[in-house]
C-alpha cells in the first residue's frame, strides 16, 4: 500500500515590513532627487500591488541602498528640525497675551471686534468691526466667527461657524493671537 501525497507550495507572501522597506527606499529616492514625482507615484502603486519579493526588488534595483552614515545624519537632522518646530510653538504659546474668559454666569456673550461697543475691542487692521463672540453654553465655551474678513482661528485652525474652546487654547482674530485663560 503505497500512497502518495501531493503538497502544493505557494510562494511566500510579502510581509508588511518588506513592503514598508521598499516604500522607504522609494520615498528616499524621490527626496534625494533620484526619482521624478511621476515615477515615484507609479512605483509606489506597483509596490502596494506587489505579491512577490522579486517584484519589490525590481522596483528599487536602480536606487542605491542608503548608507549607514547617511541614515544617521538624515535621522539626526529630522529629529533636530522636529524639535525646533515644537520648541518654537511652545515658546510662542507661552509668550502670547492672555485672553481671560468672562465669568460663566454672564448672560451676554463677549463680542470681539473693532467696534467701540464690543466687550473686547481690538484696534487692529486685520480685525473686523464685529469679528467674533464668545459664549458659555451648557458648561462649554463656544467661539463663533461673525462673518469676519480675515477669519477666526482656534489652535491654528480656521473656525467655520463655531468651535468649542478651552483654557489654554490659542485663539486668533485676524493677525492677533491670544491664549485663553481662566485666571
N, C-alpha and C. Protein backbone atom coordinates (compact mmCIF):
# COMPACT_ATOMS: atom_id res chain seq x y z
N UNK A 1 0.82 -1.18 0.00
CA UNK A 1 0.00 0.00 0.00
C UNK A 1 0.87 1.24 0.00
N UNK A 2 0.98 1.75 -1.11
CA UNK A 2 1.76 2.97 -1.23
C UNK A 2 0.81 4.10 -1.54
N UNK A 3 0.87 5.13 -0.73
CA UNK A 3 0.03 6.29 -1.01
C UNK A 3 0.93 7.49 -1.24
N UNK A 4 0.48 8.28 -2.13
CA UNK A 4 1.28 9.44 -2.49
C UNK A 4 0.49 10.70 -2.13
N UNK A 5 1.15 11.57 -1.47
CA UNK A 5 0.52 12.84 -1.09
C UNK A 5 1.18 13.96 -1.88
N UNK A 6 0.36 14.81 -2.38
CA UNK A 6 0.90 15.98 -3.07
C UNK A 6 0.71 17.20 -2.18
N UNK A 7 1.77 17.93 -2.01
CA UNK A 7 1.70 19.16 -1.25
C UNK A 7 1.95 20.32 -2.20
N UNK A 8 1.02 21.22 -2.21
CA UNK A 8 1.19 22.40 -3.04
C UNK A 8 1.88 23.46 -2.20
N UNK A 9 2.95 23.94 -2.71
CA UNK A 9 3.64 25.02 -2.00
C UNK A 9 3.42 26.30 -2.79
N UNK A 10 3.07 27.29 -2.07
CA UNK A 10 2.83 28.59 -2.67
C UNK A 10 3.97 29.50 -2.28
N UNK A 11 4.35 30.40 -3.17
CA UNK A 11 5.43 31.32 -2.80
C UNK A 11 5.00 32.16 -1.60
N UNK A 12 5.99 32.49 -0.81
CA UNK A 12 5.72 33.27 0.40
C UNK A 12 5.16 34.64 0.02
N UNK A 13 4.17 35.06 0.81
CA UNK A 13 3.59 36.39 0.59
C UNK A 13 4.52 37.44 1.16
N UNK A 14 4.36 38.64 0.66
CA UNK A 14 5.15 39.75 1.17
C UNK A 14 4.71 40.11 2.57
N UNK A 15 5.67 40.40 3.40
CA UNK A 15 5.31 40.89 4.73
C UNK A 15 5.15 42.41 4.66
N UNK A 16 4.46 42.95 5.63
CA UNK A 16 4.31 44.41 5.68
C UNK A 16 5.66 45.09 5.84
N UNK A 17 6.57 44.45 6.57
CA UNK A 17 7.89 45.03 6.79
C UNK A 17 8.66 45.13 5.47
N UNK A 18 8.58 44.09 4.62
CA UNK A 18 9.25 44.14 3.32
C UNK A 18 8.69 45.26 2.46
N UNK A 19 7.38 45.38 2.44
CA UNK A 19 6.73 46.42 1.64
C UNK A 19 7.11 47.81 2.18
N UNK A 20 7.13 47.96 3.51
CA UNK A 20 7.50 49.24 4.11
C UNK A 20 8.94 49.62 3.77
N UNK A 21 9.84 48.63 3.77
CA UNK A 21 11.25 48.92 3.42
C UNK A 21 11.35 49.42 1.98
N UNK A 22 10.62 48.76 1.07
CA UNK A 22 10.65 49.18 -0.33
C UNK A 22 10.06 50.58 -0.49
N UNK A 23 8.97 50.87 0.21
CA UNK A 23 8.36 52.20 0.12
C UNK A 23 9.31 53.27 0.68
N UNK A 24 10.06 52.92 1.73
CA UNK A 24 11.01 53.87 2.29
C UNK A 24 12.13 54.17 1.29
N UNK A 25 12.61 53.13 0.60
CA UNK A 25 13.65 53.34 -0.41
C UNK A 25 13.12 54.25 -1.52
N UNK A 26 11.86 54.04 -1.92
CA UNK A 26 11.27 54.89 -2.96
C UNK A 26 11.11 56.33 -2.46
N UNK A 27 10.65 56.52 -1.22
CA UNK A 27 10.50 57.87 -0.66
C UNK A 27 11.85 58.58 -0.58
N UNK A 28 12.88 57.83 -0.14
CA UNK A 28 14.22 58.42 -0.08
C UNK A 28 14.72 58.77 -1.48
N UNK A 29 14.40 57.93 -2.45
CA UNK A 29 14.82 58.19 -3.83
C UNK A 29 14.24 59.47 -4.38
N UNK A 30 12.96 59.72 -4.12
CA UNK A 30 12.35 60.96 -4.61
C UNK A 30 12.85 62.15 -3.79
N UNK A 31 13.08 61.97 -2.49
CA UNK A 31 13.56 63.07 -1.65
C UNK A 31 14.97 63.50 -2.05
N UNK A 32 15.78 62.55 -2.51
CA UNK A 32 17.15 62.87 -2.91
C UNK A 32 17.26 63.24 -4.39
N UNK A 33 16.13 63.27 -5.10
CA UNK A 33 16.12 63.69 -6.48
C UNK A 33 16.49 62.59 -7.46
N UNK A 34 16.48 61.36 -7.03
CA UNK A 34 16.84 60.25 -7.93
C UNK A 34 15.64 59.74 -8.72
N UNK A 35 14.43 60.08 -8.29
CA UNK A 35 13.19 59.69 -8.98
C UNK A 35 12.35 60.93 -9.22
N UNK A 36 11.67 60.97 -10.35
CA UNK A 36 10.71 62.05 -10.57
C UNK A 36 9.45 61.73 -9.78
N UNK A 37 8.62 62.73 -9.58
CA UNK A 37 7.38 62.52 -8.83
C UNK A 37 6.49 61.49 -9.53
N UNK A 38 6.40 61.55 -10.86
CA UNK A 38 5.56 60.61 -11.61
C UNK A 38 6.06 59.19 -11.46
N UNK A 39 7.39 59.02 -11.57
CA UNK A 39 7.98 57.68 -11.42
C UNK A 39 7.74 57.16 -10.02
N UNK A 40 7.91 58.03 -9.03
CA UNK A 40 7.67 57.64 -7.64
C UNK A 40 6.23 57.17 -7.45
N UNK A 41 5.27 57.94 -7.96
CA UNK A 41 3.86 57.57 -7.78
C UNK A 41 3.56 56.22 -8.44
N UNK A 42 4.08 56.00 -9.65
CA UNK A 42 3.84 54.74 -10.36
C UNK A 42 4.46 53.57 -9.61
N UNK A 43 5.70 53.74 -9.16
CA UNK A 43 6.38 52.66 -8.44
C UNK A 43 5.70 52.39 -7.10
N UNK A 44 5.21 53.42 -6.46
CA UNK A 44 4.51 53.22 -5.19
C UNK A 44 3.26 52.38 -5.41
N UNK A 45 2.51 52.68 -6.48
CA UNK A 45 1.32 51.88 -6.79
C UNK A 45 1.70 50.43 -7.05
N UNK A 46 2.78 50.22 -7.79
CA UNK A 46 3.22 48.86 -8.07
C UNK A 46 3.70 48.14 -6.80
N UNK A 47 4.36 48.87 -5.91
CA UNK A 47 4.81 48.27 -4.65
C UNK A 47 3.63 47.85 -3.79
N UNK A 48 2.59 48.66 -3.78
CA UNK A 48 1.41 48.31 -2.98
C UNK A 48 0.65 47.13 -3.57
N UNK A 49 0.77 46.94 -4.89
CA UNK A 49 0.08 45.83 -5.56
C UNK A 49 0.95 44.57 -5.65
N UNK A 50 2.24 44.67 -5.32
CA UNK A 50 3.16 43.54 -5.46
C UNK A 50 2.75 42.38 -4.56
N UNK A 51 3.00 41.17 -5.07
CA UNK A 51 2.68 39.95 -4.32
C UNK A 51 3.93 39.15 -3.97
N UNK A 52 5.00 39.36 -4.71
CA UNK A 52 6.23 38.59 -4.52
C UNK A 52 7.40 39.52 -4.20
N UNK A 53 8.37 39.02 -3.43
CA UNK A 53 9.54 39.85 -3.10
C UNK A 53 10.32 40.31 -4.33
N UNK A 54 10.41 39.48 -5.37
CA UNK A 54 11.19 39.88 -6.55
C UNK A 54 10.54 41.09 -7.26
N UNK A 55 9.24 41.29 -7.09
CA UNK A 55 8.60 42.46 -7.68
C UNK A 55 9.09 43.74 -7.01
N UNK A 56 9.29 43.68 -5.70
CA UNK A 56 9.80 44.85 -4.97
C UNK A 56 11.26 45.13 -5.34
N UNK A 57 12.03 44.05 -5.50
CA UNK A 57 13.44 44.22 -5.85
C UNK A 57 13.56 44.94 -7.20
N UNK A 58 12.69 44.59 -8.14
CA UNK A 58 12.73 45.22 -9.46
C UNK A 58 12.39 46.72 -9.37
N UNK A 59 11.53 47.09 -8.43
CA UNK A 59 11.13 48.49 -8.30
C UNK A 59 12.22 49.37 -7.68
N UNK A 60 13.11 48.77 -6.90
CA UNK A 60 14.13 49.54 -6.19
C UNK A 60 15.55 49.24 -6.67
N UNK A 61 15.70 48.42 -7.73
CA UNK A 61 17.03 47.99 -8.18
C UNK A 61 17.92 49.15 -8.61
N UNK A 62 17.37 50.18 -9.21
CA UNK A 62 18.19 51.30 -9.68
C UNK A 62 18.47 52.35 -8.61
N UNK A 63 17.94 52.13 -7.42
CA UNK A 63 18.18 53.07 -6.32
C UNK A 63 19.19 52.45 -5.36
N UNK A 64 20.34 53.10 -5.18
CA UNK A 64 21.34 52.53 -4.28
C UNK A 64 20.84 52.53 -2.84
N UNK A 65 21.18 51.48 -2.11
CA UNK A 65 20.75 51.45 -0.71
C UNK A 65 21.38 52.60 0.07
N UNK A 66 20.67 53.05 1.05
CA UNK A 66 21.14 54.16 1.87
C UNK A 66 22.28 53.70 2.76
N UNK A 67 23.34 54.46 2.78
CA UNK A 67 24.48 54.12 3.62
C UNK A 67 24.14 54.37 5.09
N UNK A 68 24.81 53.64 5.96
CA UNK A 68 24.53 53.75 7.40
C UNK A 68 24.77 55.17 7.90
N UNK A 69 25.87 55.78 7.48
CA UNK A 69 26.20 57.12 7.98
C UNK A 69 25.20 58.15 7.49
N UNK A 70 24.70 58.01 6.25
CA UNK A 70 23.71 58.98 5.76
C UNK A 70 22.38 58.81 6.49
N UNK A 71 22.04 57.57 6.84
CA UNK A 71 20.82 57.34 7.61
C UNK A 71 20.93 58.01 8.99
N UNK A 72 22.11 57.94 9.59
CA UNK A 72 22.32 58.58 10.90
C UNK A 72 22.21 60.10 10.76
N UNK A 73 22.85 60.65 9.71
CA UNK A 73 22.83 62.11 9.51
C UNK A 73 21.41 62.58 9.24
N UNK A 74 20.70 61.92 8.30
CA UNK A 74 19.34 62.33 7.98
C UNK A 74 18.40 62.18 9.18
N UNK A 75 18.57 61.10 9.93
CA UNK A 75 17.74 60.91 11.13
C UNK A 75 17.99 61.99 12.16
N UNK A 76 19.26 62.37 12.33
CA UNK A 76 19.60 63.43 13.29
C UNK A 76 19.02 64.78 12.86
N UNK A 77 19.15 65.10 11.58
CA UNK A 77 18.60 66.36 11.07
C UNK A 77 17.09 66.38 11.24
N UNK A 78 16.43 65.27 10.95
CA UNK A 78 14.98 65.19 11.12
C UNK A 78 14.57 65.39 12.58
N UNK A 79 15.30 64.77 13.49
CA UNK A 79 14.99 64.91 14.91
C UNK A 79 15.20 66.33 15.40
N UNK A 80 16.30 66.96 14.97
CA UNK A 80 16.59 68.33 15.40
C UNK A 80 15.56 69.30 14.85
N UNK A 81 15.21 69.17 13.56
CA UNK A 81 14.25 70.11 12.99
C UNK A 81 12.87 69.92 13.60
N UNK A 82 12.48 68.69 13.90
CA UNK A 82 11.21 68.47 14.57
C UNK A 82 11.20 69.08 15.96
N UNK A 83 12.34 68.98 16.65
CA UNK A 83 12.43 69.56 17.99
C UNK A 83 12.32 71.08 17.93
N UNK A 84 12.99 71.71 16.96
CA UNK A 84 12.95 73.17 16.89
C UNK A 84 11.54 73.67 16.57
N UNK A 85 10.80 72.93 15.74
CA UNK A 85 9.42 73.33 15.45
C UNK A 85 8.58 73.26 16.71
N UNK A 86 8.71 72.16 17.47
CA UNK A 86 7.94 72.02 18.72
C UNK A 86 8.35 73.09 19.74
N UNK A 87 9.65 73.37 19.81
CA UNK A 87 10.14 74.38 20.75
C UNK A 87 9.61 75.77 20.37
N UNK A 88 9.63 76.11 19.08
CA UNK A 88 9.14 77.41 18.63
C UNK A 88 7.65 77.55 18.97
N UNK A 89 6.87 76.49 18.73
CA UNK A 89 5.44 76.53 19.02
C UNK A 89 5.18 76.71 20.52
N UNK A 90 5.94 75.98 21.35
CA UNK A 90 5.77 76.10 22.80
C UNK A 90 6.20 77.48 23.29
N UNK A 91 7.31 78.00 22.76
CA UNK A 91 7.80 79.31 23.17
C UNK A 91 6.79 80.39 22.81
N UNK A 92 6.22 80.29 21.61
CA UNK A 92 5.24 81.28 21.17
C UNK A 92 3.97 81.21 22.02
N UNK A 93 3.55 79.99 22.37
CA UNK A 93 2.33 79.82 23.16
C UNK A 93 2.47 80.49 24.53
N UNK A 94 3.64 80.36 25.13
CA UNK A 94 3.83 80.95 26.46
C UNK A 94 3.93 82.47 26.39
N UNK A 95 4.35 83.01 25.27
CA UNK A 95 4.53 84.44 25.16
C UNK A 95 3.28 85.16 24.68
N UNK A 96 2.25 84.42 24.30
CA UNK A 96 1.03 85.06 23.82
C UNK A 96 0.33 85.79 24.96
N UNK A 97 -0.30 86.91 24.66
CA UNK A 97 -1.07 87.58 25.71
C UNK A 97 -2.28 86.73 26.09
N UNK A 98 -2.66 86.83 27.35
CA UNK A 98 -3.80 86.06 27.84
C UNK A 98 -5.10 86.77 27.49
N UNK A 99 -6.10 85.99 27.15
CA UNK A 99 -7.47 86.48 26.99
C UNK A 99 -8.27 85.78 28.08
N UNK A 100 -8.64 86.54 29.11
CA UNK A 100 -9.37 85.96 30.22
C UNK A 100 -10.81 85.68 29.83
N UNK A 101 -11.23 84.46 30.10
CA UNK A 101 -12.62 84.09 29.83
C UNK A 101 -13.53 84.82 30.82
N UNK A 102 -14.68 85.33 30.36
CA UNK A 102 -15.58 86.01 31.28
C UNK A 102 -16.19 85.04 32.29
N UNK A 103 -16.81 85.57 33.30
CA UNK A 103 -17.47 84.72 34.30
C UNK A 103 -18.57 83.91 33.61
N UNK A 104 -18.65 82.60 33.87
CA UNK A 104 -19.63 81.76 33.19
C UNK A 104 -21.09 82.17 33.42
N UNK A 105 -21.37 82.86 34.51
CA UNK A 105 -22.75 83.24 34.80
C UNK A 105 -23.19 84.47 34.01
N UNK A 106 -22.29 85.08 33.25
CA UNK A 106 -22.64 86.27 32.48
C UNK A 106 -23.70 85.92 31.43
N UNK A 107 -24.82 86.66 31.40
CA UNK A 107 -25.91 86.32 30.48
C UNK A 107 -25.64 86.75 29.03
N UNK A 108 -24.68 87.62 28.83
CA UNK A 108 -24.42 88.15 27.49
C UNK A 108 -23.12 87.58 26.93
N UNK A 109 -23.09 87.34 25.61
CA UNK A 109 -21.83 86.88 25.01
C UNK A 109 -20.81 88.01 24.97
N UNK A 110 -19.54 87.64 24.93
CA UNK A 110 -18.47 88.61 24.82
C UNK A 110 -18.24 88.86 23.33
N UNK A 111 -18.57 90.07 22.87
CA UNK A 111 -18.35 90.45 21.47
C UNK A 111 -16.92 90.91 21.30
N UNK A 112 -16.30 90.49 20.20
CA UNK A 112 -14.91 90.82 19.92
C UNK A 112 -14.84 91.50 18.56
N UNK A 113 -14.18 92.65 18.50
CA UNK A 113 -14.05 93.36 17.23
C UNK A 113 -13.51 94.76 17.40
N UNK A 114 -13.48 95.53 16.31
CA UNK A 114 -13.00 96.92 16.34
C UNK A 114 -14.07 97.90 16.79
N UNK A 115 -15.33 97.48 16.77
CA UNK A 115 -16.44 98.34 17.16
C UNK A 115 -16.27 98.80 18.62
N UNK A 116 -16.42 100.12 18.87
CA UNK A 116 -16.27 100.61 20.25
C UNK A 116 -17.26 99.97 21.22
N UNK A 117 -18.38 99.45 20.74
CA UNK A 117 -19.36 98.82 21.61
C UNK A 117 -19.01 97.37 21.95
N UNK A 118 -17.93 96.83 21.38
CA UNK A 118 -17.53 95.45 21.65
C UNK A 118 -17.04 95.30 23.08
N UNK A 119 -17.29 94.14 23.67
CA UNK A 119 -16.78 93.85 25.02
C UNK A 119 -15.27 93.76 25.03
N UNK A 120 -14.69 93.24 23.95
CA UNK A 120 -13.24 93.22 23.78
C UNK A 120 -12.94 93.94 22.48
N UNK A 121 -12.45 95.16 22.61
CA UNK A 121 -12.16 95.99 21.43
C UNK A 121 -10.71 95.80 21.03
N UNK A 122 -10.51 95.33 19.78
CA UNK A 122 -9.17 95.12 19.24
C UNK A 122 -8.95 96.09 18.10
N UNK A 123 -8.08 97.06 18.29
CA UNK A 123 -7.82 98.08 17.27
C UNK A 123 -6.68 97.61 16.36
N UNK A 124 -7.00 96.72 15.47
CA UNK A 124 -6.02 96.21 14.52
C UNK A 124 -6.67 96.11 13.15
N UNK A 125 -5.92 96.42 12.10
CA UNK A 125 -6.48 96.45 10.75
C UNK A 125 -7.04 95.11 10.29
N UNK A 126 -6.52 93.99 10.81
CA UNK A 126 -6.99 92.68 10.35
C UNK A 126 -8.20 92.18 11.12
N UNK A 127 -8.63 92.93 12.13
CA UNK A 127 -9.80 92.55 12.92
C UNK A 127 -11.01 93.29 12.36
N UNK A 128 -12.09 92.55 12.12
CA UNK A 128 -13.31 93.17 11.59
C UNK A 128 -14.01 93.97 12.68
N UNK A 129 -14.92 94.86 12.25
CA UNK A 129 -15.66 95.68 13.20
C UNK A 129 -16.42 94.79 14.18
N UNK A 130 -17.16 93.83 13.69
CA UNK A 130 -17.82 92.82 14.52
C UNK A 130 -17.21 91.49 14.07
N UNK A 131 -16.25 91.00 14.82
CA UNK A 131 -15.43 89.87 14.38
C UNK A 131 -15.94 88.51 14.88
N UNK A 132 -16.09 88.39 16.21
CA UNK A 132 -16.46 87.10 16.79
C UNK A 132 -17.16 87.32 18.12
N UNK A 133 -17.71 86.22 18.66
CA UNK A 133 -18.27 86.30 20.01
C UNK A 133 -17.99 85.02 20.75
N UNK A 134 -17.85 85.15 22.06
CA UNK A 134 -17.54 84.05 22.95
C UNK A 134 -18.69 83.90 23.92
N UNK A 135 -19.30 82.72 23.95
CA UNK A 135 -20.44 82.49 24.85
C UNK A 135 -20.20 81.23 25.67
N UNK A 136 -20.90 81.17 26.80
CA UNK A 136 -20.85 79.99 27.66
C UNK A 136 -22.18 79.27 27.50
N UNK A 137 -22.16 78.06 26.92
CA UNK A 137 -23.38 77.31 26.65
C UNK A 137 -23.24 75.89 27.16
N UNK A 138 -24.14 75.49 28.02
CA UNK A 138 -24.15 74.11 28.51
C UNK A 138 -22.84 73.67 29.14
N UNK A 139 -22.19 74.55 29.86
CA UNK A 139 -20.94 74.21 30.52
C UNK A 139 -19.71 74.30 29.62
N UNK A 140 -19.88 74.68 28.36
CA UNK A 140 -18.76 74.79 27.42
C UNK A 140 -18.63 76.21 26.90
N UNK A 141 -17.40 76.60 26.57
CA UNK A 141 -17.17 77.89 25.93
C UNK A 141 -17.21 77.69 24.43
N UNK A 142 -17.98 78.53 23.74
CA UNK A 142 -18.14 78.43 22.29
C UNK A 142 -17.69 79.75 21.66
N UNK A 143 -16.76 79.64 20.70
CA UNK A 143 -16.28 80.80 19.96
C UNK A 143 -16.92 80.76 18.59
N UNK A 144 -17.60 81.83 18.22
CA UNK A 144 -18.33 81.89 16.95
C UNK A 144 -17.78 83.04 16.11
N UNK A 145 -17.42 82.73 14.87
CA UNK A 145 -16.99 83.77 13.94
C UNK A 145 -18.24 84.44 13.38
N UNK A 146 -18.24 85.75 13.33
CA UNK A 146 -19.42 86.50 12.89
C UNK A 146 -19.26 87.04 11.47
N UNK A 147 -18.68 86.24 10.60
CA UNK A 147 -18.51 86.65 9.20
C UNK A 147 -17.35 87.60 9.02
N UNK A 148 -16.29 87.43 9.80
CA UNK A 148 -15.15 88.33 9.71
C UNK A 148 -14.42 88.16 8.38
N UNK A 149 -13.72 89.21 7.98
CA UNK A 149 -12.99 89.20 6.72
C UNK A 149 -11.75 88.32 6.80
N UNK A 150 -10.96 88.45 7.87
CA UNK A 150 -9.69 87.74 7.99
C UNK A 150 -9.76 86.48 8.84
N UNK A 151 -10.94 86.13 9.30
CA UNK A 151 -11.13 84.85 9.97
C UNK A 151 -10.77 84.79 11.44
N UNK A 152 -11.31 83.76 12.06
CA UNK A 152 -11.06 83.44 13.46
C UNK A 152 -10.45 82.05 13.49
N UNK A 153 -9.42 81.85 14.31
CA UNK A 153 -8.77 80.54 14.40
C UNK A 153 -8.73 80.04 15.83
N UNK A 154 -8.74 78.73 15.98
CA UNK A 154 -8.54 78.08 17.28
C UNK A 154 -7.42 77.07 17.08
N UNK A 155 -6.33 77.25 17.80
CA UNK A 155 -5.15 76.39 17.70
C UNK A 155 -4.68 76.25 16.25
N UNK A 156 -4.73 77.35 15.51
CA UNK A 156 -4.24 77.38 14.15
C UNK A 156 -5.24 76.94 13.08
N UNK A 157 -6.40 76.46 13.49
CA UNK A 157 -7.41 76.01 12.52
C UNK A 157 -8.51 77.05 12.41
N UNK A 158 -8.89 77.34 11.18
CA UNK A 158 -9.92 78.35 10.94
C UNK A 158 -11.27 77.87 11.45
N UNK A 159 -11.99 78.76 12.11
CA UNK A 159 -13.32 78.46 12.63
C UNK A 159 -14.34 78.73 11.53
N UNK A 160 -15.10 77.72 11.19
CA UNK A 160 -16.21 77.87 10.26
C UNK A 160 -17.47 77.73 11.10
N UNK A 161 -18.17 78.81 11.31
CA UNK A 161 -19.35 78.78 12.19
C UNK A 161 -18.93 78.98 13.63
N UNK A 162 -18.82 77.86 14.38
CA UNK A 162 -18.48 77.94 15.80
C UNK A 162 -17.56 76.79 16.18
N UNK A 163 -16.82 76.99 17.28
CA UNK A 163 -15.92 75.96 17.78
C UNK A 163 -15.90 76.01 19.30
N UNK A 164 -15.81 74.84 19.93
CA UNK A 164 -15.68 74.77 21.38
C UNK A 164 -14.24 75.08 21.74
N UNK A 165 -14.04 75.94 22.75
CA UNK A 165 -12.70 76.32 23.19
C UNK A 165 -12.54 76.02 24.67
N UNK A 166 -11.28 75.86 25.08
CA UNK A 166 -10.96 75.54 26.47
C UNK A 166 -9.82 76.43 26.97
N UNK A 167 -9.61 76.41 28.24
CA UNK A 167 -8.50 77.11 28.86
C UNK A 167 -7.20 76.60 28.23
N UNK A 168 -6.32 77.52 27.79
CA UNK A 168 -5.05 77.15 27.19
C UNK A 168 -5.06 77.13 25.67
N UNK A 169 -6.23 77.16 25.04
CA UNK A 169 -6.30 77.19 23.58
C UNK A 169 -5.76 78.51 23.05
N UNK A 170 -5.20 78.46 21.84
CA UNK A 170 -4.76 79.67 21.16
C UNK A 170 -5.89 80.10 20.22
N UNK A 171 -6.33 81.33 20.38
CA UNK A 171 -7.38 81.86 19.52
C UNK A 171 -6.83 83.06 18.76
N UNK A 172 -7.22 83.16 17.49
CA UNK A 172 -6.74 84.24 16.67
C UNK A 172 -7.89 84.99 16.02
N UNK A 173 -7.77 86.30 15.98
CA UNK A 173 -8.74 87.18 15.33
C UNK A 173 -7.94 87.99 14.31
N UNK A 174 -8.05 87.64 13.03
CA UNK A 174 -7.18 88.25 12.04
C UNK A 174 -5.75 87.87 12.36
N UNK A 175 -4.86 88.87 12.49
CA UNK A 175 -3.45 88.61 12.82
C UNK A 175 -3.16 88.69 14.31
N UNK A 176 -4.16 88.87 15.14
CA UNK A 176 -3.95 88.95 16.59
C UNK A 176 -4.25 87.60 17.22
N UNK A 177 -3.31 87.11 18.04
CA UNK A 177 -3.45 85.80 18.66
C UNK A 177 -3.34 85.92 20.17
N UNK A 178 -4.17 85.15 20.87
CA UNK A 178 -4.22 85.16 22.34
C UNK A 178 -4.24 83.72 22.84
N UNK A 179 -3.92 83.56 24.12
CA UNK A 179 -4.07 82.28 24.80
C UNK A 179 -5.19 82.44 25.81
N UNK A 180 -6.22 81.58 25.71
CA UNK A 180 -7.34 81.65 26.64
C UNK A 180 -6.91 81.23 28.03
N UNK A 181 -7.43 81.93 29.02
CA UNK A 181 -7.07 81.62 30.40
C UNK A 181 -8.27 81.90 31.30
N UNK A 182 -8.38 81.12 32.38
CA UNK A 182 -9.46 81.35 33.34
C UNK A 182 -9.01 82.28 34.44
N UNK A 183 -7.73 82.40 34.67
CA UNK A 183 -7.19 83.28 35.71
C UNK A 183 -6.05 84.10 35.17
